[in-house]
N, C-alpha and C. Protein backbone atom coordinates (compact mmCIF):
# COMPACT_ATOMS: atom_id res chain seq x y z
N MET A 1 90.46 66.01 117.38
CA MET A 1 91.23 64.83 117.05
C MET A 1 90.82 64.34 115.67
N TRP A 2 91.79 63.89 114.91
CA TRP A 2 91.54 63.39 113.56
C TRP A 2 91.00 61.98 113.63
N SER A 3 89.94 61.73 112.92
CA SER A 3 89.42 60.37 112.81
C SER A 3 89.84 59.80 111.47
N SER A 4 89.76 58.48 111.35
CA SER A 4 90.14 57.86 110.08
C SER A 4 89.19 58.31 108.98
N ASN A 5 87.92 58.60 109.32
CA ASN A 5 86.97 59.11 108.32
C ASN A 5 87.39 60.48 107.82
N ARG A 6 87.86 61.32 108.71
CA ARG A 6 88.30 62.67 108.34
C ARG A 6 89.46 62.60 107.36
N ARG A 7 90.40 61.71 107.60
CA ARG A 7 91.55 61.58 106.69
C ARG A 7 91.10 61.11 105.31
N LYS A 8 90.12 60.27 105.24
CA LYS A 8 89.60 59.82 103.94
C LYS A 8 88.95 60.98 103.19
N ASP A 9 88.31 61.91 103.93
CA ASP A 9 87.66 63.05 103.30
C ASP A 9 88.67 64.00 102.66
N LEU A 10 89.88 63.95 103.11
CA LEU A 10 90.92 64.83 102.60
C LEU A 10 91.75 64.15 101.50
N SER A 11 91.13 63.26 100.76
CA SER A 11 91.86 62.47 99.77
C SER A 11 92.84 63.33 98.97
N GLY A 12 94.04 62.83 98.89
CA GLY A 12 95.08 63.53 98.15
C GLY A 12 95.85 64.55 98.97
N ARG A 13 95.40 64.87 100.15
CA ARG A 13 96.10 65.81 101.01
C ARG A 13 96.95 65.05 102.01
N SER A 14 98.07 65.61 102.32
CA SER A 14 98.97 65.00 103.28
C SER A 14 98.66 65.52 104.68
N PRO A 15 98.69 64.65 105.67
CA PRO A 15 98.49 65.13 107.04
C PRO A 15 99.72 65.85 107.57
N ASP A 16 100.84 65.82 106.82
CA ASP A 16 102.07 66.48 107.24
C ASP A 16 101.95 67.99 107.03
N ALA A 17 102.56 68.73 107.91
CA ALA A 17 102.55 70.20 107.82
C ALA A 17 103.46 70.66 106.69
N THR A 18 103.08 71.77 106.07
CA THR A 18 103.89 72.40 105.03
C THR A 18 104.13 73.84 105.47
N GLU A 19 105.34 74.32 105.25
CA GLU A 19 105.66 75.69 105.64
C GLU A 19 104.81 76.67 104.86
N LEU A 20 104.36 77.72 105.54
CA LEU A 20 103.51 78.73 104.93
C LEU A 20 104.18 79.38 103.72
N GLY A 21 105.46 79.67 103.82
CA GLY A 21 106.18 80.27 102.71
C GLY A 21 106.15 79.41 101.47
N THR A 22 106.25 78.10 101.63
CA THR A 22 106.20 77.17 100.51
C THR A 22 104.82 77.21 99.84
N VAL A 23 103.78 77.23 100.66
CA VAL A 23 102.42 77.28 100.13
C VAL A 23 102.19 78.59 99.38
N LEU A 24 102.62 79.71 99.96
CA LEU A 24 102.44 81.00 99.31
C LEU A 24 103.22 81.10 98.01
N ASP A 25 104.44 80.58 97.99
CA ASP A 25 105.23 80.59 96.75
C ASP A 25 104.50 79.83 95.65
N ARG A 26 103.92 78.68 95.99
CA ARG A 26 103.18 77.90 94.99
C ARG A 26 101.96 78.67 94.50
N LEU A 27 101.22 79.27 95.43
CA LEU A 27 100.03 80.02 95.04
C LEU A 27 100.36 81.22 94.17
N LEU A 28 101.38 81.97 94.56
CA LEU A 28 101.74 83.17 93.81
C LEU A 28 102.35 82.84 92.45
N GLY A 29 102.83 81.63 92.29
CA GLY A 29 103.37 81.21 91.01
C GLY A 29 102.30 80.79 90.02
N GLN A 30 101.08 80.58 90.51
CA GLN A 30 100.00 80.19 89.62
C GLN A 30 99.53 81.40 88.83
N ARG A 31 99.17 81.19 87.59
CA ARG A 31 98.87 82.26 86.66
C ARG A 31 97.82 83.27 87.14
N PRO A 32 96.66 82.85 87.64
CA PRO A 32 95.67 83.86 88.04
C PRO A 32 96.17 84.78 89.14
N LEU A 33 96.84 84.24 90.12
CA LEU A 33 97.34 85.09 91.20
C LEU A 33 98.52 85.93 90.76
N ARG A 34 99.37 85.37 89.92
CA ARG A 34 100.53 86.13 89.44
C ARG A 34 100.05 87.37 88.68
N GLY A 35 99.05 87.20 87.80
CA GLY A 35 98.51 88.34 87.05
C GLY A 35 97.83 89.34 87.96
N GLY A 36 97.10 88.83 88.95
CA GLY A 36 96.42 89.71 89.90
C GLY A 36 97.39 90.52 90.73
N MET A 37 98.47 89.89 91.13
CA MET A 37 99.49 90.60 91.92
C MET A 37 100.12 91.71 91.07
N ALA A 38 100.46 91.39 89.84
CA ALA A 38 101.07 92.39 88.95
C ALA A 38 100.10 93.54 88.69
N LEU A 39 98.81 93.21 88.50
CA LEU A 39 97.81 94.26 88.27
C LEU A 39 97.70 95.16 89.50
N GLY A 40 97.74 94.57 90.68
CA GLY A 40 97.69 95.36 91.91
C GLY A 40 98.88 96.30 92.04
N VAL A 41 100.05 95.81 91.69
CA VAL A 41 101.26 96.65 91.73
C VAL A 41 101.12 97.79 90.72
N LEU A 42 100.65 97.47 89.51
CA LEU A 42 100.47 98.51 88.50
C LEU A 42 99.46 99.56 88.97
N ALA A 43 98.37 99.11 89.58
CA ALA A 43 97.35 100.06 90.04
C ALA A 43 97.93 101.00 91.11
N ARG A 44 98.71 100.44 92.02
CA ARG A 44 99.29 101.28 93.07
C ARG A 44 100.33 102.25 92.53
N ARG A 45 101.02 101.87 91.46
CA ARG A 45 102.12 102.70 90.94
C ARG A 45 101.78 103.29 89.57
N TRP A 46 100.48 103.37 89.25
CA TRP A 46 100.04 103.78 87.92
C TRP A 46 100.56 105.16 87.52
N GLU A 47 100.56 106.10 88.45
CA GLU A 47 101.06 107.44 88.13
C GLU A 47 102.53 107.39 87.70
N GLU A 48 103.28 106.50 88.30
CA GLU A 48 104.69 106.31 87.93
C GLU A 48 104.80 105.74 86.51
N VAL A 49 103.83 104.94 86.12
CA VAL A 49 103.86 104.30 84.80
C VAL A 49 103.47 105.28 83.70
N VAL A 50 102.37 106.03 83.89
CA VAL A 50 101.85 106.88 82.80
C VAL A 50 101.97 108.38 83.06
N GLY A 51 102.36 108.78 84.25
CA GLY A 51 102.42 110.20 84.56
C GLY A 51 101.14 110.66 85.23
N ALA A 52 101.24 111.79 85.92
CA ALA A 52 100.13 112.29 86.74
C ALA A 52 98.89 112.61 85.91
N ARG A 53 99.05 113.30 84.79
CA ARG A 53 97.88 113.71 84.01
C ARG A 53 97.14 112.52 83.41
N LEU A 54 97.87 111.60 82.79
CA LEU A 54 97.23 110.41 82.22
C LEU A 54 96.60 109.54 83.30
N ALA A 55 97.23 109.47 84.46
CA ALA A 55 96.69 108.65 85.55
C ALA A 55 95.32 109.15 86.00
N GLU A 56 95.05 110.44 85.80
CA GLU A 56 93.73 110.99 86.13
C GLU A 56 92.66 110.52 85.15
N GLU A 57 93.06 110.14 83.95
CA GLU A 57 92.12 109.82 82.88
C GLU A 57 92.04 108.35 82.51
N CYS A 58 92.91 107.52 83.12
CA CYS A 58 92.89 106.10 82.78
C CYS A 58 93.39 105.28 83.96
N SER A 59 93.13 103.98 83.88
CA SER A 59 93.60 103.09 84.94
C SER A 59 93.77 101.68 84.38
N PRO A 60 94.64 100.89 84.99
CA PRO A 60 94.78 99.50 84.55
C PRO A 60 93.54 98.72 84.98
N ALA A 61 92.90 98.04 84.03
CA ALA A 61 91.64 97.34 84.32
C ALA A 61 91.83 95.84 84.43
N ALA A 62 92.77 95.27 83.67
CA ALA A 62 92.97 93.82 83.68
C ALA A 62 94.36 93.52 83.13
N LEU A 63 94.87 92.37 83.53
CA LEU A 63 96.14 91.87 83.00
C LEU A 63 95.98 90.37 82.83
N GLU A 64 95.85 89.95 81.59
CA GLU A 64 95.60 88.55 81.29
C GLU A 64 96.48 88.12 80.13
N GLY A 65 97.25 87.07 80.33
CA GLY A 65 98.09 86.55 79.26
C GLY A 65 99.08 87.56 78.70
N GLY A 66 99.56 88.46 79.53
CA GLY A 66 100.53 89.46 79.08
C GLY A 66 99.91 90.69 78.45
N VAL A 67 98.57 90.73 78.36
CA VAL A 67 97.89 91.88 77.76
C VAL A 67 97.33 92.75 78.88
N LEU A 68 97.81 93.99 78.94
CA LEU A 68 97.32 94.96 79.90
C LEU A 68 96.17 95.73 79.26
N LEU A 69 95.01 95.66 79.90
CA LEU A 69 93.85 96.41 79.44
C LEU A 69 93.76 97.69 80.25
N VAL A 70 93.79 98.82 79.55
CA VAL A 70 93.74 100.14 80.19
C VAL A 70 92.39 100.76 79.90
N MET A 71 91.66 101.14 80.96
CA MET A 71 90.37 101.78 80.80
C MET A 71 90.55 103.28 80.85
N THR A 72 90.01 103.98 79.85
CA THR A 72 90.15 105.43 79.77
C THR A 72 88.81 106.12 79.94
N SER A 73 88.86 107.40 80.25
CA SER A 73 87.66 108.18 80.48
C SER A 73 86.98 108.64 79.19
N SER A 74 87.70 108.62 78.08
CA SER A 74 87.12 109.07 76.80
C SER A 74 87.90 108.45 75.64
N GLN A 75 87.33 108.57 74.47
CA GLN A 75 88.03 108.07 73.27
C GLN A 75 89.31 108.84 73.01
N ALA A 76 89.30 110.13 73.30
CA ALA A 76 90.51 110.94 73.08
C ALA A 76 91.66 110.44 73.95
N TRP A 77 91.37 110.15 75.23
CA TRP A 77 92.42 109.63 76.10
C TRP A 77 92.80 108.21 75.69
N GLY A 78 91.85 107.46 75.17
CA GLY A 78 92.16 106.13 74.65
C GLY A 78 93.13 106.19 73.48
N ALA A 79 92.91 107.17 72.61
CA ALA A 79 93.83 107.36 71.47
C ALA A 79 95.22 107.72 71.97
N GLN A 80 95.29 108.51 73.02
CA GLN A 80 96.59 108.90 73.58
C GLN A 80 97.33 107.67 74.13
N ILE A 81 96.60 106.81 74.85
CA ILE A 81 97.22 105.60 75.39
C ILE A 81 97.66 104.68 74.26
N LYS A 82 96.84 104.54 73.22
CA LYS A 82 97.23 103.72 72.07
C LYS A 82 98.53 104.25 71.46
N PHE A 83 98.59 105.55 71.29
CA PHE A 83 99.78 106.18 70.71
C PHE A 83 101.01 105.91 71.58
N LEU A 84 100.82 105.92 72.90
CA LEU A 84 101.93 105.72 73.84
C LEU A 84 102.05 104.27 74.32
N SER A 85 101.38 103.34 73.67
CA SER A 85 101.30 101.97 74.19
C SER A 85 102.68 101.33 74.41
N GLU A 86 103.63 101.56 73.54
CA GLU A 86 104.96 100.97 73.74
C GLU A 86 105.66 101.59 74.95
N ALA A 87 105.51 102.90 75.13
CA ALA A 87 106.09 103.56 76.30
C ALA A 87 105.41 103.08 77.58
N VAL A 88 104.09 102.86 77.54
CA VAL A 88 103.36 102.34 78.70
C VAL A 88 103.84 100.93 79.01
N ARG A 89 104.00 100.10 77.98
CA ARG A 89 104.48 98.73 78.18
C ARG A 89 105.87 98.73 78.82
N ALA A 90 106.75 99.57 78.32
CA ALA A 90 108.12 99.63 78.85
C ALA A 90 108.12 100.13 80.29
N ALA A 91 107.31 101.15 80.59
CA ALA A 91 107.24 101.67 81.97
C ALA A 91 106.64 100.62 82.90
N ALA A 92 105.64 99.88 82.42
CA ALA A 92 105.04 98.81 83.21
C ALA A 92 106.07 97.72 83.50
N ALA A 93 106.92 97.43 82.51
CA ALA A 93 107.97 96.43 82.70
C ALA A 93 108.96 96.85 83.79
N ARG A 94 109.24 98.14 83.87
CA ARG A 94 110.13 98.62 84.93
C ARG A 94 109.50 98.44 86.31
N VAL A 95 108.17 98.46 86.37
CA VAL A 95 107.46 98.34 87.64
C VAL A 95 107.21 96.89 88.03
N VAL A 96 106.78 96.05 87.08
CA VAL A 96 106.39 94.67 87.43
C VAL A 96 107.33 93.61 86.88
N GLY A 97 108.32 94.02 86.09
CA GLY A 97 109.26 93.05 85.55
C GLY A 97 109.06 92.83 84.06
N GLU A 98 110.16 92.60 83.39
CA GLU A 98 110.15 92.39 81.94
C GLU A 98 109.37 91.12 81.60
N GLY A 99 108.57 91.19 80.55
CA GLY A 99 107.83 90.03 80.08
C GLY A 99 106.46 89.84 80.69
N VAL A 100 106.14 90.58 81.74
CA VAL A 100 104.82 90.46 82.36
C VAL A 100 103.77 91.14 81.50
N VAL A 101 104.07 92.35 81.03
CA VAL A 101 103.17 93.08 80.12
C VAL A 101 103.80 93.04 78.73
N LYS A 102 103.13 92.34 77.82
CA LYS A 102 103.65 92.20 76.46
C LYS A 102 102.93 93.10 75.46
N ASP A 103 101.71 93.49 75.81
CA ASP A 103 100.90 94.31 74.91
C ASP A 103 99.98 95.19 75.76
N VAL A 104 99.58 96.32 75.20
CA VAL A 104 98.67 97.23 75.88
C VAL A 104 97.47 97.44 74.97
N ARG A 105 96.28 97.21 75.53
CA ARG A 105 95.03 97.45 74.79
C ARG A 105 94.22 98.47 75.57
N VAL A 106 93.28 99.10 74.88
CA VAL A 106 92.53 100.20 75.48
C VAL A 106 91.03 99.90 75.42
N THR A 107 90.33 100.28 76.47
CA THR A 107 88.87 100.27 76.49
C THR A 107 88.42 101.61 77.02
N VAL A 108 87.28 102.07 76.53
CA VAL A 108 86.75 103.37 76.96
C VAL A 108 85.60 103.12 77.92
N ARG A 109 85.65 103.78 79.06
CA ARG A 109 84.60 103.66 80.08
C ARG A 109 83.30 104.19 79.50
N ILE A 110 82.23 103.43 79.64
CA ILE A 110 80.92 103.86 79.18
C ILE A 110 80.33 104.76 80.27
N ALA A 111 79.91 105.95 79.87
CA ALA A 111 79.38 106.92 80.84
C ALA A 111 78.24 106.33 81.64
N GLY A 112 78.32 106.51 82.95
CA GLY A 112 77.26 106.06 83.84
C GLY A 112 77.31 104.60 84.22
N VAL A 113 78.26 103.85 83.67
CA VAL A 113 78.37 102.43 83.99
C VAL A 113 79.79 102.16 84.47
N PRO A 114 80.02 102.17 85.79
CA PRO A 114 81.36 101.95 86.33
C PRO A 114 81.94 100.61 85.89
N GLY A 115 83.18 100.66 85.41
CA GLY A 115 83.87 99.42 85.06
C GLY A 115 83.49 98.82 83.73
N LYS A 116 82.58 99.44 82.99
CA LYS A 116 82.16 98.89 81.70
C LYS A 116 82.84 99.62 80.56
N GLY A 117 83.33 98.85 79.62
CA GLY A 117 83.95 99.44 78.45
C GLY A 117 84.10 98.37 77.39
N GLY A 118 84.47 98.75 76.21
CA GLY A 118 84.70 97.80 75.13
C GLY A 118 86.14 97.88 74.67
N ALA A 119 86.83 96.75 74.55
CA ALA A 119 88.25 96.73 74.18
C ALA A 119 88.44 97.30 72.79
N ARG A 120 89.51 98.06 72.64
CA ARG A 120 89.85 98.66 71.34
C ARG A 120 91.19 98.11 70.90
């Protein structure tokens, strides 16, 4: 049972129920979750975006402010992604929607350190 003290602890919250779909729409519209959702979609469909061979050598690492950070296995593969950056951006747009990915940047994975690289 709700006590009057409990309601005071929830300052700013309404005791009225809100539909789950409404709450999820609000959450997914917020920037951090929107970028995370798009990054997840790109990760799942990465081979479709860059092709089978490139997908073996690189992966989407981050998506922040319209900038897709692609982590590659070597500098040579990083150069390839840089060269194809407009094609990668366009393919990503077909997967996650126009305007979500505005630029593609590359980082090279540092050997022996998973997930570490420096943006290029």
